[in-house]
Structures are given as C-alpha cells and as structure tokens.
Amino acid sequence: MSGARSIHLSLDVKGFLANAPKSRYRGMFRHDDGRQMTPDEAKYHLLDALAAGNEFLPIGKCDNFDPKSGCLGHPIAEESCAS
C-alpha cells in the first residue's frame, strides 16, 4: 500500500465568515423543506455551526469527518493509483 489517500472538500467556517462578501452566501444552504436560505439565514447558520465548535463543514458526504480539522482522509486502493 502506497499510503495514498483521498481528501474530501470542506468549508473553513471562520475563513468564509471573515472573507466572503454577503453575495457569496446566496444559495449556500437549504432548509429541511428544500427552500433556499437567504444570505442572512446562511450567515446565521454558519455562526451557529461555529458556536457549536464546528470549524469545518463537509461539502458532500464524508464518513471520516472531524469538525475541528475537516476530512481525515480515505485510503485509496493501490490498484487505483497505478497508471
């Protein structure tokens, strides 16, 4: 095994809150019923996540995710690495 790993993308909550203009919040999140959150609702969602100790949020599904550091990685089978 080569030790190769794949890493899922994640959102750095503090970084996004500090650097993203309000227009970037549009379309980020949806309510449970499928309605799109307004930029203000999305910002409050991120603030709530940060207050709960979630410094990173997964982008997509990840079964090895740590809210303090993001995706911890997933081993890639050696035959997948050979090219």
N, C-alpha and C. Protein backbone atom coordinates (compact mmCIF):
# COMPACT_ATOMS: atom_id res chain seq x y z
N MET A 1 0.85 -1.19 0.00
CA MET A 1 0.00 0.00 0.00
C MET A 1 0.89 1.24 0.00
N SER A 2 0.59 2.17 -0.86
CA SER A 2 1.42 3.35 -1.03
C SER A 2 1.14 4.43 0.01
N GLY A 3 0.04 4.33 0.72
CA GLY A 3 -0.33 5.36 1.67
C GLY A 3 -1.09 6.51 1.04
N ALA A 4 -1.44 6.38 -0.25
CA ALA A 4 -2.20 7.44 -0.92
C ALA A 4 -3.59 7.54 -0.30
N ARG A 5 -4.07 8.76 -0.19
CA ARG A 5 -5.39 8.99 0.39
C ARG A 5 -6.14 10.03 -0.44
N SER A 6 -7.45 9.92 -0.41
CA SER A 6 -8.27 10.98 -1.00
C SER A 6 -8.82 11.82 0.15
N ILE A 7 -8.98 13.09 -0.10
CA ILE A 7 -9.47 14.03 0.91
C ILE A 7 -10.69 14.75 0.34
N HIS A 8 -11.80 14.72 1.09
CA HIS A 8 -13.00 15.44 0.67
C HIS A 8 -12.85 16.94 0.95
N LEU A 9 -13.52 17.73 0.16
CA LEU A 9 -13.53 19.17 0.37
C LEU A 9 -14.34 19.52 1.61
N SER A 10 -13.96 20.61 2.25
CA SER A 10 -14.72 21.11 3.39
C SER A 10 -14.67 22.63 3.38
N LEU A 11 -15.59 23.23 4.11
CA LEU A 11 -15.67 24.68 4.20
C LEU A 11 -15.05 25.13 5.52
N ASP A 12 -14.08 26.01 5.46
CA ASP A 12 -13.49 26.62 6.64
C ASP A 12 -14.46 27.72 7.09
N VAL A 13 -15.20 27.45 8.16
CA VAL A 13 -16.27 28.36 8.58
C VAL A 13 -15.73 29.74 8.94
N LYS A 14 -14.68 29.80 9.76
CA LYS A 14 -14.11 31.10 10.14
C LYS A 14 -13.61 31.86 8.93
N GLY A 15 -12.92 31.17 8.04
CA GLY A 15 -12.39 31.81 6.85
C GLY A 15 -13.49 32.37 5.96
N PHE A 16 -14.56 31.59 5.80
CA PHE A 16 -15.66 32.06 4.96
C PHE A 16 -16.33 33.27 5.60
N LEU A 17 -16.61 33.19 6.90
CA LEU A 17 -17.25 34.32 7.58
C LEU A 17 -16.39 35.58 7.51
N ALA A 18 -15.08 35.43 7.59
CA ALA A 18 -14.18 36.59 7.59
C ALA A 18 -13.97 37.19 6.21
N ASN A 19 -14.07 36.38 5.16
CA ASN A 19 -13.65 36.85 3.84
C ASN A 19 -14.73 36.93 2.77
N ALA A 20 -15.83 36.23 2.93
CA ALA A 20 -16.82 36.18 1.86
C ALA A 20 -17.76 37.38 1.90
N PRO A 21 -17.98 38.03 0.76
CA PRO A 21 -18.99 39.09 0.73
C PRO A 21 -20.38 38.46 0.86
N LYS A 22 -21.32 39.27 1.27
CA LYS A 22 -22.68 38.77 1.51
C LYS A 22 -23.26 38.04 0.29
N SER A 23 -22.91 38.47 -0.89
CA SER A 23 -23.45 37.83 -2.10
C SER A 23 -23.03 36.36 -2.22
N ARG A 24 -21.90 35.98 -1.62
CA ARG A 24 -21.43 34.59 -1.68
C ARG A 24 -22.27 33.64 -0.82
N TYR A 25 -23.05 34.17 0.09
CA TYR A 25 -23.90 33.34 0.95
C TYR A 25 -25.14 32.84 0.21
N ARG A 26 -25.48 33.51 -0.88
CA ARG A 26 -26.69 33.15 -1.63
C ARG A 26 -26.56 31.74 -2.20
N GLY A 27 -27.54 30.90 -1.92
CA GLY A 27 -27.58 29.55 -2.45
C GLY A 27 -26.71 28.53 -1.73
N MET A 28 -26.09 28.93 -0.63
CA MET A 28 -25.19 28.01 0.09
C MET A 28 -25.92 26.88 0.79
N PHE A 29 -27.04 27.21 1.42
CA PHE A 29 -27.74 26.23 2.24
C PHE A 29 -29.22 26.20 1.91
N ARG A 30 -29.83 25.08 2.24
CA ARG A 30 -31.28 24.92 2.09
C ARG A 30 -31.87 24.51 3.43
N HIS A 31 -33.10 24.94 3.66
CA HIS A 31 -33.85 24.50 4.82
C HIS A 31 -34.20 23.02 4.64
N ASP A 32 -34.63 22.36 5.71
CA ASP A 32 -35.01 20.95 5.63
C ASP A 32 -36.11 20.69 4.62
N ASP A 33 -36.96 21.69 4.39
CA ASP A 33 -38.06 21.51 3.43
C ASP A 33 -37.65 21.83 1.99
N GLY A 34 -36.35 22.13 1.78
CA GLY A 34 -35.85 22.37 0.43
C GLY A 34 -35.77 23.83 0.02
N ARG A 35 -36.39 24.73 0.79
CA ARG A 35 -36.31 26.15 0.46
C ARG A 35 -34.88 26.66 0.63
N GLN A 36 -34.47 27.53 -0.28
CA GLN A 36 -33.14 28.12 -0.20
C GLN A 36 -33.08 29.14 0.93
N MET A 37 -31.99 29.14 1.70
CA MET A 37 -31.82 30.14 2.76
C MET A 37 -31.43 31.47 2.15
N THR A 38 -31.87 32.54 2.79
CA THR A 38 -31.42 33.87 2.40
C THR A 38 -29.96 34.02 2.83
N PRO A 39 -29.25 35.01 2.29
CA PRO A 39 -27.86 35.23 2.75
C PRO A 39 -27.76 35.42 4.27
N ASP A 40 -28.70 36.15 4.86
CA ASP A 40 -28.67 36.34 6.32
C ASP A 40 -28.89 35.03 7.06
N GLU A 41 -29.83 34.21 6.60
CA GLU A 41 -30.07 32.91 7.23
C GLU A 41 -28.83 32.02 7.11
N ALA A 42 -28.18 32.04 5.95
CA ALA A 42 -26.97 31.23 5.75
C ALA A 42 -25.85 31.69 6.69
N LYS A 43 -25.70 33.01 6.84
CA LYS A 43 -24.67 33.53 7.74
C LYS A 43 -24.94 33.09 9.18
N TYR A 44 -26.20 33.17 9.61
CA TYR A 44 -26.54 32.74 10.97
C TYR A 44 -26.33 31.24 11.15
N HIS A 45 -26.58 30.47 10.10
CA HIS A 45 -26.32 29.03 10.13
C HIS A 45 -24.83 28.77 10.37
N LEU A 46 -23.98 29.50 9.69
CA LEU A 46 -22.53 29.36 9.87
C LEU A 46 -22.09 29.81 11.26
N LEU A 47 -22.66 30.91 11.74
CA LEU A 47 -22.33 31.38 13.09
C LEU A 47 -22.75 30.35 14.14
N ASP A 48 -23.92 29.73 13.96
CA ASP A 48 -24.38 28.68 14.87
C ASP A 48 -23.44 27.48 14.82
N ALA A 49 -23.00 27.11 13.63
CA ALA A 49 -22.07 25.97 13.48
C ALA A 49 -20.77 26.27 14.22
N LEU A 50 -20.26 27.48 14.07
CA LEU A 50 -19.02 27.87 14.74
C LEU A 50 -19.21 27.87 16.26
N ALA A 51 -20.33 28.39 16.74
CA ALA A 51 -20.62 28.40 18.17
C ALA A 51 -20.71 26.99 18.74
N ALA A 52 -21.12 26.04 17.91
CA ALA A 52 -21.23 24.64 18.34
C ALA A 52 -19.87 23.92 18.27
N GLY A 53 -18.82 24.63 17.85
CA GLY A 53 -17.49 24.05 17.79
C GLY A 53 -17.11 23.46 16.45
N ASN A 54 -17.94 23.68 15.43
CA ASN A 54 -17.66 23.16 14.09
C ASN A 54 -16.85 24.18 13.30
N GLU A 55 -15.54 23.98 13.23
CA GLU A 55 -14.68 24.89 12.49
C GLU A 55 -14.70 24.61 11.00
N PHE A 56 -15.06 23.38 10.63
CA PHE A 56 -15.17 22.99 9.22
C PHE A 56 -16.51 22.29 9.02
N LEU A 57 -17.08 22.46 7.83
CA LEU A 57 -18.30 21.76 7.44
C LEU A 57 -17.99 20.94 6.19
N PRO A 58 -18.51 19.72 6.12
CA PRO A 58 -18.24 18.90 4.94
C PRO A 58 -18.98 19.42 3.72
N ILE A 59 -18.36 19.29 2.58
CA ILE A 59 -19.02 19.58 1.31
C ILE A 59 -19.30 18.22 0.70
N GLY A 60 -20.51 17.75 0.87
CA GLY A 60 -20.87 16.40 0.44
C GLY A 60 -20.72 15.42 1.60
N LYS A 61 -20.92 14.15 1.28
CA LYS A 61 -20.88 13.10 2.30
C LYS A 61 -19.43 12.70 2.59
N CYS A 62 -19.13 12.50 3.87
CA CYS A 62 -17.81 12.05 4.29
C CYS A 62 -17.99 11.27 5.59
N ASP A 63 -17.55 10.01 5.59
CA ASP A 63 -17.71 9.18 6.78
C ASP A 63 -16.49 9.22 7.70
N ASN A 64 -15.56 10.10 7.43
CA ASN A 64 -14.37 10.24 8.26
C ASN A 64 -14.08 11.73 8.46
N PHE A 65 -15.09 12.45 8.94
CA PHE A 65 -15.02 13.90 9.04
C PHE A 65 -14.89 14.33 10.49
N ASP A 66 -13.98 15.27 10.73
CA ASP A 66 -13.79 15.86 12.05
C ASP A 66 -14.13 17.35 11.95
N PRO A 67 -15.08 17.84 12.75
CA PRO A 67 -15.48 19.25 12.65
C PRO A 67 -14.39 20.24 13.05
N LYS A 68 -13.31 19.77 13.66
CA LYS A 68 -12.20 20.65 14.03
C LYS A 68 -11.12 20.73 12.94
N SER A 69 -11.05 19.70 12.06
CA SER A 69 -9.98 19.71 11.06
C SER A 69 -10.41 19.28 9.66
N GLY A 70 -11.66 18.91 9.46
CA GLY A 70 -12.14 18.52 8.14
C GLY A 70 -12.00 17.03 7.89
N CYS A 71 -11.98 16.65 6.63
CA CYS A 71 -11.88 15.24 6.24
C CYS A 71 -10.51 14.71 6.68
N LEU A 72 -10.53 13.56 7.35
CA LEU A 72 -9.30 12.95 7.83
C LEU A 72 -8.66 12.03 6.80
N GLY A 73 -9.30 11.89 5.66
CA GLY A 73 -8.73 11.11 4.57
C GLY A 73 -9.31 9.72 4.45
N HIS A 74 -9.19 9.18 3.24
CA HIS A 74 -9.70 7.85 2.91
C HIS A 74 -8.63 7.15 2.08
N PRO A 75 -8.22 5.94 2.51
CA PRO A 75 -7.20 5.21 1.75
C PRO A 75 -7.66 4.92 0.33
N ILE A 76 -6.73 5.01 -0.59
CA ILE A 76 -7.00 4.67 -1.99
C ILE A 76 -6.35 3.32 -2.25
N ALA A 77 -7.11 2.39 -2.81
CA ALA A 77 -6.57 1.07 -3.12
C ALA A 77 -5.39 1.22 -4.07
N GLU A 78 -4.36 0.40 -3.87
CA GLU A 78 -3.13 0.51 -4.67
C GLU A 78 -3.40 0.38 -6.16
N GLU A 79 -4.33 -0.52 -6.55
CA GLU A 79 -4.62 -0.69 -7.98
C GLU A 79 -5.25 0.57 -8.57
N SER A 80 -5.90 1.39 -7.73
CA SER A 80 -6.48 2.65 -8.22
C SER A 80 -5.40 3.68 -8.51
N CYS A 81 -4.25 3.54 -7.86
CA CYS A 81 -3.15 4.51 -8.01
C CYS A 81 -2.26 4.18 -9.20
N ALA A 82 -2.24 2.93 -9.63
CA ALA A 82 -1.34 2.51 -10.72
C ALA A 82 -1.82 3.07 -12.04
N SER A 83 -0.94 3.72 -12.77
CA SER A 83 -1.27 4.25 -14.10
C SER A 83 -0.04 4.21 -14.97
